[in-house]
Amino acid sequence: MTRNPVVLFLIPLLVLPSLCLAIRPLQARDGGADPGFRYAEAPGYRNGAECPGLSSSSAAGGRELEVVSYCDPSLVHIAMTLDSEYLRGSIAAVHSVLRHASCPENIFFHFIAAEFDPASPRDLSRLVRSTFPSLNFKVYIFREDAVINLISSSIRHALENPLNYARNYLGDILDPCVDRVIYLDSDVVVVDDVRKLWDTSLSGGRVIGAPEYCHANFTKYFTDNFWSDPVLSRVFGSRSPCYFNTGVMVMDLVRWRDGNFRKRIENWMEVQKRKRIYDLGSLPPFLLVFAGNVEPIDHRWNQHGLGGDNVKGSCRSLHPGPVSLLHWSGKGKPWVRLDSRKPCPLDFLWEPYDLYKPVRTLPRDRTAHISSAWIGYSSYLL
């Protein structure tokens, strides 16, 4: 079954399917339910007859459960971070992917959770399982000490979160049988079949694919310290670098591992600690390693910058052209602006995928019943 990209002017008319009555709380590390995190169970999205079959095995622990092997070659692999601060965005992003996928059961999510998040990886895993009961996923614990000493200050404090650097370590975190992955930020919604992005061909031995923006002023992503140093700036001497956004990437993990690209990125972060050569978090090291050698993907797959600039978070409009993925990169996040009743016009395109339900919408007796009705948790937790 072929699905056409969602026509932009129809997106505001989309109506969220009827939600299951079950609304699940997120458990805090101390065992108590955090009343600020409750999510409605998503509709069940199933494969059509034309979708390839999946291999499976029974789960351990005395319970019979069909578990999809993440080494299955018919899977589409998507990696995302999962943390308390951006959890609402992550849940909406997953929902959007499933809703528009031609074969939703053939998608496997790899969630990277921070070791010291207020909600433990196990708690986050339980919430994902209760929100998406049939989702194929695994939660990995990201050891923050692997990168904490390499992080330098940024123009916005949120960009210093160690979890922003988890994408650097996907080749190490994910199983070696996962040879390709789509990396998505938590502040996106997908309005097209993600398999179209998955099928991107990485030609000429390229390691990553992403939409490029060659009209952008590339020099502004690095400081005068960088451009005035003839040794450092020479890295771009044989390339024609263009800006690309690391929030949406197709990554060849075989080439990534063989080329030890994690270490190449870390080397530039070490240079940054000695001689400040950029101001913008985890993006510039990727530019230093890959800019000018990226497989260009159609811009429809990253309509980015919808969160505004990194200081004011002002409203932005869409780039010209069709849309397959909307990305609220920048300071402003749609769920924050919607809750504050100060939304930007495009924030209403994010809202149909939001499964968050504040506790105050529930009667007191029903809340008590739900809090005591926790069932099951993800058997995929590492």
Protein backbone atom coordinates (compact mmCIF):
# COMPACT_ATOMS: atom_id res chain seq x y z
CA MET A 1 0.00 0.00 0.00
CA THR A 2 1.48 3.36 -1.06
CA ARG A 3 0.73 6.41 1.00
CA ASN A 4 1.05 9.90 -0.37
CA PRO A 5 2.59 12.67 1.72
CA VAL A 6 0.08 14.58 3.81
CA VAL A 7 -1.04 17.72 2.00
CA LEU A 8 -0.14 20.58 4.28
CA PHE A 9 -3.39 22.48 4.13
CA LEU A 10 -5.26 19.36 5.24
CA ILE A 11 -3.14 18.72 8.32
CA PRO A 12 -5.08 21.05 10.64
CA LEU A 13 -8.23 19.13 9.72
CA LEU A 14 -6.87 15.81 10.95
CA VAL A 15 -8.83 14.51 13.92
CA LEU A 16 -7.12 12.34 16.47
CA PRO A 17 -8.68 8.85 16.45
CA SER A 18 -10.82 7.89 19.42
CA LEU A 19 -8.53 7.33 22.35
CA CYS A 20 -8.58 4.32 24.60
CA LEU A 21 -9.96 5.09 28.04
CA ALA A 22 -6.83 3.86 29.79
CA ILE A 23 -4.60 6.74 30.86
CA ARG A 24 -1.24 5.78 32.33
CA PRO A 25 0.91 7.58 34.89
CA LEU A 26 4.69 7.77 34.76
CA GLN A 27 6.29 6.23 37.83
CA ALA A 28 8.92 8.32 39.59
CA ARG A 29 12.18 6.81 40.88
CA ASP A 30 10.82 6.70 44.42
CA GLY A 31 7.99 4.45 43.27
CA GLY A 32 5.27 7.08 43.46
CA ALA A 33 3.27 8.16 40.43
CA ASP A 34 4.18 11.55 39.03
CA PRO A 35 0.82 13.30 38.56
CA GLY A 36 2.23 15.44 35.75
CA PHE A 37 2.71 12.58 33.29
CA ARG A 38 -0.33 10.72 32.03
CA TYR A 39 -0.74 9.52 28.48
CA ALA A 40 -3.73 8.08 26.68
CA GLU A 41 -3.20 4.73 25.02
CA ALA A 42 -2.61 5.20 21.30
CA PRO A 43 -4.82 3.48 18.73
CA GLY A 44 -3.49 0.15 17.50
CA TYR A 45 -1.78 0.52 14.12
CA ARG A 46 -1.47 -2.76 12.21
CA ASN A 47 0.26 -3.97 9.05
CA GLY A 48 -1.59 -4.46 5.83
CA ALA A 49 -1.48 -7.73 3.90
CA GLU A 50 1.31 -6.41 1.65
CA CYS A 51 3.77 -5.92 4.55
CA PRO A 52 6.63 -8.40 5.02
CA GLY A 53 6.36 -10.89 7.88
CA LEU A 54 8.47 -10.62 11.01
CA SER A 55 10.45 -13.22 12.90
CA SER A 56 9.69 -13.49 16.61
CA SER A 57 10.47 -15.46 19.75
CA SER A 58 8.89 -15.96 23.16
CA ALA A 59 9.90 -13.62 25.95
CA ALA A 60 11.40 -14.91 29.16
CA GLY A 61 10.18 -14.39 32.70
CA GLY A 62 7.38 -16.91 32.72
CA ARG A 63 5.16 -14.90 30.38
CA GLU A 64 4.47 -15.90 26.81
CA LEU A 65 4.97 -12.83 24.61
CA GLU A 66 5.87 -12.63 20.97
CA VAL A 67 8.97 -10.43 20.72
CA VAL A 68 10.18 -9.18 17.36
CA SER A 69 13.89 -9.73 16.85
CA TYR A 70 15.56 -6.39 16.19
CA CYS A 71 17.94 -8.23 13.84
CA ASP A 72 15.06 -8.94 11.45
CA PRO A 73 16.12 -7.55 8.03
CA SER A 74 12.60 -6.32 7.21
CA LEU A 75 12.60 -3.79 10.06
CA VAL A 76 12.89 -0.02 9.84
CA HIS A 77 15.07 1.12 12.75
CA ILE A 78 14.48 4.50 14.40
CA ALA A 79 16.61 5.85 17.26
CA MET A 80 15.38 8.59 19.59
CA THR A 81 16.27 9.89 23.03
CA LEU A 82 13.78 9.49 25.87
CA ASP A 83 13.82 11.76 28.90
CA SER A 84 11.40 13.44 31.28
CA GLU A 85 11.79 16.95 29.88
CA TYR A 86 11.00 16.06 26.26
CA LEU A 87 8.90 12.95 26.89
CA ARG A 88 5.73 14.54 25.61
CA GLY A 89 7.45 15.37 22.33
CA SER A 90 8.88 11.86 22.00
CA ILE A 91 5.49 10.24 22.51
CA ALA A 92 3.92 12.53 19.90
CA ALA A 93 6.76 11.77 17.46
CA VAL A 94 6.28 8.01 17.82
CA HIS A 95 2.54 8.40 17.39
CA SER A 96 3.03 10.39 14.18
CA VAL A 97 5.41 7.80 12.74
CA LEU A 98 2.98 4.93 13.40
CA ARG A 99 -0.03 6.84 12.15
CA HIS A 100 1.47 7.46 8.72
CA ALA A 101 3.50 4.27 8.28
CA SER A 102 2.50 1.80 5.57
CA CYS A 103 3.80 -1.09 7.74
CA PRO A 104 3.78 0.19 11.36
CA GLU A 105 4.55 -3.23 12.87
CA ASN A 106 7.79 -3.33 10.88
CA ILE A 107 9.17 -0.31 12.73
CA PHE A 108 11.53 -0.87 15.64
CA PHE A 109 12.28 2.02 18.00
CA HIS A 110 15.57 2.28 19.89
CA PHE A 111 15.12 4.69 22.81
CA ILE A 112 18.19 6.11 24.53
CA ALA A 113 17.50 7.14 28.14
CA ALA A 114 19.79 9.09 30.45
CA GLU A 115 21.30 7.26 33.40
CA PHE A 116 20.37 10.01 35.89
CA ASP A 117 17.01 11.16 34.54
CA PRO A 118 14.40 11.85 37.28
CA ALA A 119 12.39 9.01 35.75
CA SER A 120 14.40 5.81 35.51
CA PRO A 121 14.80 4.01 32.16
CA ARG A 122 12.59 1.24 33.54
CA ASP A 123 9.84 3.75 34.37
CA LEU A 124 10.09 5.31 30.93
CA SER A 125 9.95 1.86 29.38
CA ARG A 126 6.76 1.03 31.29
CA LEU A 127 5.15 4.23 30.07
CA VAL A 128 6.04 3.57 26.43
CA ARG A 129 4.67 0.03 26.68
CA SER A 130 1.39 1.21 28.23
CA THR A 131 0.96 4.00 25.67
CA PHE A 132 1.89 1.81 22.68
CA PRO A 133 1.09 -1.79 23.76
CA SER A 134 2.13 -3.38 20.46
CA LEU A 135 5.19 -1.23 19.76
CA ASN A 136 8.49 -2.95 18.95
CA PHE A 137 11.14 -1.16 20.98
CA LYS A 138 14.11 -1.38 23.28
CA VAL A 139 15.32 1.12 25.89
CA TYR A 140 19.05 1.61 26.40
CA ILE A 141 20.78 3.34 29.29
CA PHE A 142 23.15 6.09 28.14
CA ARG A 143 26.12 6.40 30.48
CA GLU A 144 26.50 10.15 30.73
CA ASP A 145 30.04 9.94 32.05
CA ALA A 146 31.06 8.81 28.55
CA VAL A 147 30.63 12.36 27.29
CA ILE A 148 30.18 14.71 30.25
CA ASN A 149 33.84 15.77 30.35
CA LEU A 150 33.79 16.59 26.64
CA ILE A 151 30.81 18.97 26.74
CA SER A 152 31.49 22.71 26.66
CA SER A 153 29.07 25.55 27.42
CA SER A 154 26.57 26.52 24.73
CA ILE A 155 24.43 29.54 23.87
CA ARG A 156 21.45 27.76 25.44
CA HIS A 157 21.71 25.62 28.56
CA ALA A 158 19.40 22.91 27.18
CA LEU A 159 21.96 22.22 24.45
CA GLU A 160 24.45 21.08 27.11
CA ASN A 161 22.35 18.07 28.12
CA PRO A 162 24.55 14.97 27.73
CA LEU A 163 21.66 13.14 26.07
CA ASN A 164 22.01 15.52 23.09
CA TYR A 165 25.26 13.70 22.34
CA ALA A 166 23.78 10.19 22.43
CA ARG A 167 23.58 10.16 18.61
CA ASN A 168 27.41 10.13 18.59
CA TYR A 169 27.35 6.71 20.26
CA LEU A 170 24.63 4.88 18.34
CA GLY A 171 27.24 2.68 16.65
CA ASP A 172 28.34 1.49 20.08
CA ILE A 173 24.94 1.38 21.79
CA LEU A 174 22.93 -0.52 19.19
CA ASP A 175 23.49 -4.18 18.45
CA PRO A 176 25.98 -4.87 15.60
CA CYS A 177 23.17 -6.50 13.60
CA VAL A 178 21.54 -3.06 13.32
CA ASP A 179 23.43 -1.76 10.31
CA ARG A 180 21.28 1.28 9.50
CA VAL A 181 19.17 3.63 11.59
CA ILE A 182 17.11 6.79 11.24
CA TYR A 183 17.90 9.23 14.03
CA LEU A 184 15.05 11.58 15.00
CA ASP A 185 14.93 14.37 17.54
CA SER A 186 12.10 14.40 20.08
CA ASP A 187 10.53 17.59 18.73
CA VAL A 188 9.40 16.27 15.33
CA VAL A 189 6.24 14.89 13.81
CA VAL A 190 6.30 12.73 10.67
CA VAL A 191 3.42 13.23 8.22
CA ASP A 192 4.52 10.75 5.56
CA ASP A 193 5.50 7.09 5.38
CA VAL A 194 8.87 6.88 7.16
CA ARG A 195 9.92 3.96 4.95
CA LYS A 196 10.47 6.47 2.15
CA LEU A 197 13.15 8.10 4.31
CA TRP A 198 14.53 4.68 5.28
CA ASP A 199 15.00 3.75 1.62
CA THR A 200 17.43 6.64 1.06
CA SER A 201 20.51 5.39 -0.78
CA LEU A 202 23.82 6.48 0.76
CA SER A 203 26.05 6.66 -2.31
CA GLY A 204 29.80 6.94 -2.66
CA GLY A 205 30.55 5.40 0.72
CA ARG A 206 28.75 8.20 2.58
CA VAL A 207 27.98 7.55 6.21
CA ILE A 208 24.99 9.81 6.76
CA GLY A 209 22.17 11.34 4.76
CA ALA A 210 20.31 14.52 5.69
CA PRO A 211 18.64 17.52 4.05
CA GLU A 212 21.34 20.11 3.30
CA TYR A 213 20.90 23.89 3.33
CA CYS A 214 23.68 25.32 1.21
CA HIS A 215 22.21 28.84 1.20
CA ALA A 216 22.89 29.15 4.96
CA ASN A 217 25.91 31.15 6.11
CA PHE A 218 28.14 28.24 7.07
CA THR A 219 30.81 30.43 8.68
CA LYS A 220 28.50 31.48 11.53
CA TYR A 221 28.55 27.99 13.04
CA PHE A 222 32.18 28.47 14.10
CA THR A 223 34.02 31.19 15.99
CA ASP A 224 36.77 33.52 14.79
CA ASN A 225 39.18 31.29 16.70
CA PHE A 226 38.40 28.54 14.23
CA TRP A 227 38.46 30.50 10.99
CA SER A 228 41.63 32.40 11.93
CA ASP A 229 43.53 29.18 12.58
CA PRO A 230 44.88 27.91 9.22
CA VAL A 231 45.39 24.38 10.56
CA LEU A 232 41.85 23.98 11.91
CA SER A 233 39.98 25.67 9.06
CA ARG A 234 41.89 23.55 6.56
CA VAL A 235 39.50 20.67 7.43
CA PHE A 236 37.10 22.14 4.86
CA GLY A 237 39.79 22.80 2.27
CA SER A 238 38.87 19.89 0.03
CA ARG A 239 35.11 20.03 0.71
CA SER A 240 32.19 22.29 -0.16
CA PRO A 241 30.46 22.25 3.22
CA CYS A 242 26.76 22.95 3.69
CA TYR A 243 24.78 23.24 6.89
CA PHE A 244 22.61 20.27 7.82
CA ASN A 245 20.46 19.66 10.87
CA THR A 246 21.40 16.59 12.94
CA GLY A 247 17.84 16.11 14.24
CA VAL A 248 16.95 14.01 11.18
CA MET A 249 19.62 11.68 9.78
CA VAL A 250 19.86 8.35 8.01
CA MET A 251 23.00 6.65 9.33
CA ASP A 252 24.96 3.71 7.93
CA LEU A 253 26.19 2.14 11.16
CA VAL A 254 28.50 -0.33 9.42
CA ARG A 255 30.47 2.50 7.83
CA TRP A 256 30.18 4.50 11.05
CA ARG A 257 31.78 1.75 13.10
CA ASP A 258 34.42 0.88 10.49
CA GLY A 259 35.46 4.53 10.20
CA ASN A 260 35.46 5.10 13.99
CA PHE A 261 33.42 8.26 13.52
CA ARG A 262 32.57 8.44 17.22
CA LYS A 263 36.23 9.07 17.94
CA ARG A 264 36.51 11.64 15.15
CA ILE A 265 33.66 13.62 16.69
CA GLU A 266 35.19 13.32 20.16
CA ASN A 267 38.51 14.64 18.83
CA TRP A 268 36.81 17.86 17.75
CA MET A 269 35.07 18.15 21.11
CA GLU A 270 38.48 17.93 22.76
CA VAL A 271 39.75 20.73 20.52
CA GLN A 272 36.72 22.77 21.56
CA LYS A 273 37.64 22.36 25.23
CA ARG A 274 41.13 23.76 24.57
CA LYS A 275 40.24 26.49 22.10
CA ARG A 276 36.61 27.53 21.79
CA ILE A 277 35.81 27.03 18.09
CA TYR A 278 31.99 26.96 18.20
CA ASP A 279 29.06 28.04 20.40
CA LEU A 280 26.22 25.70 19.45
CA GLY A 281 26.26 22.41 21.37
CA SER A 282 26.38 19.05 19.60
CA LEU A 283 25.86 20.24 16.01
CA PRO A 284 29.28 21.72 15.06
CA PRO A 285 31.30 18.51 15.64
CA PHE A 286 29.02 16.75 13.16
CA LEU A 287 29.55 19.57 10.67
CA LEU A 288 33.31 19.36 11.12
CA VAL A 289 33.33 15.63 10.38
CA PHE A 290 30.61 15.33 7.73
CA ALA A 291 29.73 18.68 6.11
CA GLY A 292 30.48 18.45 2.40
CA ASN A 293 30.19 14.68 2.44
CA VAL A 294 26.50 14.15 3.23
CA GLU A 295 23.97 12.35 1.07
CA PRO A 296 21.46 15.11 0.28
CA ILE A 297 17.86 14.22 1.18
CA ASP A 298 14.83 16.19 0.02
CA HIS A 299 14.07 19.18 2.27
CA ARG A 300 10.55 17.86 2.82
CA TRP A 301 12.11 15.48 5.39
CA ASN A 302 13.23 18.25 7.73
CA GLN A 303 11.13 21.38 7.82
CA HIS A 304 13.23 22.56 10.75
CA GLY A 305 13.50 25.75 12.80
CA LEU A 306 9.81 25.80 13.79
CA GLY A 307 10.82 26.41 17.41
CA GLY A 308 12.33 29.76 16.43
CA ASP A 309 15.84 30.93 17.20
CA ASN A 310 17.80 29.66 20.18
CA VAL A 311 17.36 32.87 22.18
CA LYS A 312 13.83 34.21 21.71
CA GLY A 313 12.02 31.19 20.31
CA SER A 314 10.03 33.38 17.93
CA CYS A 315 7.43 31.97 15.54
CA ARG A 316 8.62 30.72 12.18
CA SER A 317 6.89 29.86 8.92
CA LEU A 318 7.43 26.80 6.74
CA HIS A 319 10.07 26.66 4.04
CA PRO A 320 8.63 26.57 0.50
CA GLY A 321 7.78 23.13 -0.83
CA PRO A 322 6.09 19.89 0.30
CA VAL A 323 6.31 18.57 3.86
CA SER A 324 7.00 15.07 5.14
CA LEU A 325 8.47 15.96 8.55
CA LEU A 326 7.96 19.01 10.80
CA HIS A 327 10.74 19.85 13.25
CA TRP A 328 10.44 22.30 16.15
CA SER A 329 14.19 22.82 16.49
CA GLY A 330 15.08 25.98 18.36
CA LYS A 331 14.01 27.28 21.74
CA GLY A 332 10.21 27.10 21.44
CA LYS A 333 8.47 23.74 21.82
CA PRO A 334 4.86 23.30 20.67
CA TRP A 335 3.59 21.62 23.85
CA VAL A 336 4.96 24.44 26.00
CA ARG A 337 3.46 27.16 23.85
CA LEU A 338 0.11 25.38 23.55
CA ASP A 339 -0.11 24.90 27.32
CA SER A 340 0.73 28.55 27.92
CA ARG A 341 -1.94 29.54 25.40
CA LYS A 342 0.65 31.41 23.37
CA PRO A 343 1.01 29.04 20.42
CA CYS A 344 2.58 29.78 17.09
CA PRO A 345 0.30 29.00 14.12
CA LEU A 346 2.27 25.90 13.16
CA ASP A 347 2.03 24.44 16.68
CA PHE A 348 -1.51 23.34 15.82
CA LEU A 349 0.01 20.90 13.30
CA TRP A 350 1.74 19.13 16.21
CA GLU A 351 -1.35 18.97 18.44
CA PRO A 352 -3.21 16.04 16.74
CA TYR A 353 -0.39 13.67 17.73
CA ASP A 354 -0.28 14.71 21.41
CA LEU A 355 -1.34 11.90 23.78
CA TYR A 356 -0.64 13.80 26.99
CA LYS A 357 -3.54 14.15 29.40
CA PRO A 358 -3.19 16.29 32.56
CA VAL A 359 -4.38 14.66 35.75
CA ARG A 360 -6.88 17.41 36.44
CA THR A 361 -9.06 16.06 33.60
CA LEU A 362 -9.71 12.85 35.58
CA PRO A 363 -12.25 12.40 38.39
CA ARG A 364 -10.60 11.75 41.75
CA ASP A 365 -11.99 8.20 42.14
CA ARG A 366 -10.92 7.22 38.60
CA THR A 367 -7.41 8.59 39.17
CA ALA A 368 -7.03 6.42 42.26
CA HIS A 369 -8.18 3.36 40.32
CA ILE A 370 -5.74 3.95 37.48
CA SER A 371 -2.81 4.57 39.82
CA SER A 372 -3.26 1.14 41.33
CA ALA A 373 -3.84 -0.63 38.01
CA TRP A 374 -0.29 -0.71 36.63
CA ILE A 375 0.18 -3.81 34.49
CA GLY A 376 3.30 -5.07 32.80
CA TYR A 377 6.43 -3.31 31.63
CA SER A 378 8.73 -3.46 28.70
CA SER A 379 10.69 -6.68 28.42
CA TYR A 380 13.08 -4.86 26.10
CA LEU A 381 14.81 -2.88 28.85
CA LEU A 382 18.57 -3.31 28.71
